[in-house]
Each structure stands twice: as C-alpha cells, then as structure tokens.
C-alpha cells in the first residue's frame, strides 16, 4: 500500500511539473512546441481535437499554420515542420515572467538591450538572445501617432503577441 501511495504521488508531482513547464516561452520553444518539430509530433502532443490546420495567406501566398487550443498558439509550418510560433495567450510566459499583456516598461526592465523594430504597421521589441519578437498592442496609441524610437512609446503599452523565431 505504501508503495502504491508513493508511486501515485511521484506520477502526480511529475505531471504537475510537466504541466507547469509546458507554458514557458524560451529560445526556440513554447511549452511542448519546438521550432523544427514535425507536424506529426505536434499532433502527437496535442491531439487532433486541439489542433486545426488553416492557411494564413501571408503576402498572398499559401502559408499553412496550425491553430493550437483555439488560437492560444499558432504554429507556422514550412516543409512539414514548425518554423515559428505565435503566442497569443497570456498563459505563456518567459522565465522572467514576460508574456502577452506585459507592459513595455516590464519588458524593457527584463531585457534592457532589446531592439526596436517597425514593420507591417507594427511596433516590435526584439530580444536577440531569446530569438523572440514582442509585438506591441496598438490599443491606446491613438490614430495617426507614429513612433520612430522605443523611448517615445508609452511605457504602459502592452505586449499583444509574441513571435518565437528560429535560432
């Protein structure tokens, strides 16, 4: 009986640890999704009921992607493998606690050497050592405002999406 209880506790604690680490954003990886993993592996981790294949039509071309858990993660596919991942849920965080919904102020406090980028109408903070692009929300910026320096953006602006890039 004692062995059974210890075994159950071990399995429970092991699964709890895996579940907690499954929401970590790190270089080349978000939870169970890794850059370079096959689509079959991804389906194996999440099951067919939690994954939906769709076309993003990026720049007017066929751009297959997998919607994981109703848009929490979007795995972009190239040649049958994950080549980048969009994080859209605030449940996923970097080891220092930065995620969707974090303020620009907190992001820069954790990553002071981050680079400011602009593209396709977005303001982006790129953290090169993690290969992560933090796409800032446009909410609260006002119409017609243009920011050409990171320091000009309001510090309370929030991260709207995170792009995990190949290393």
Foldseek 3Di string as FASTA:
>chain_A
DVVVVVVVVVVVVVVVVLVLQLQAQFAQDGRLAGFFAFPVVVCVVQPPVQWDWDFPCVVNDGWIWIQGRNNQKIFTDDPRTGFKMKGQDQSHAHPVRADFFDFQLVVCVVQVPWDWDDDPHWIWTARVVGQKIQTWDCPPVDPPDDDDDPVVDDRRTTRRMMMRGHD
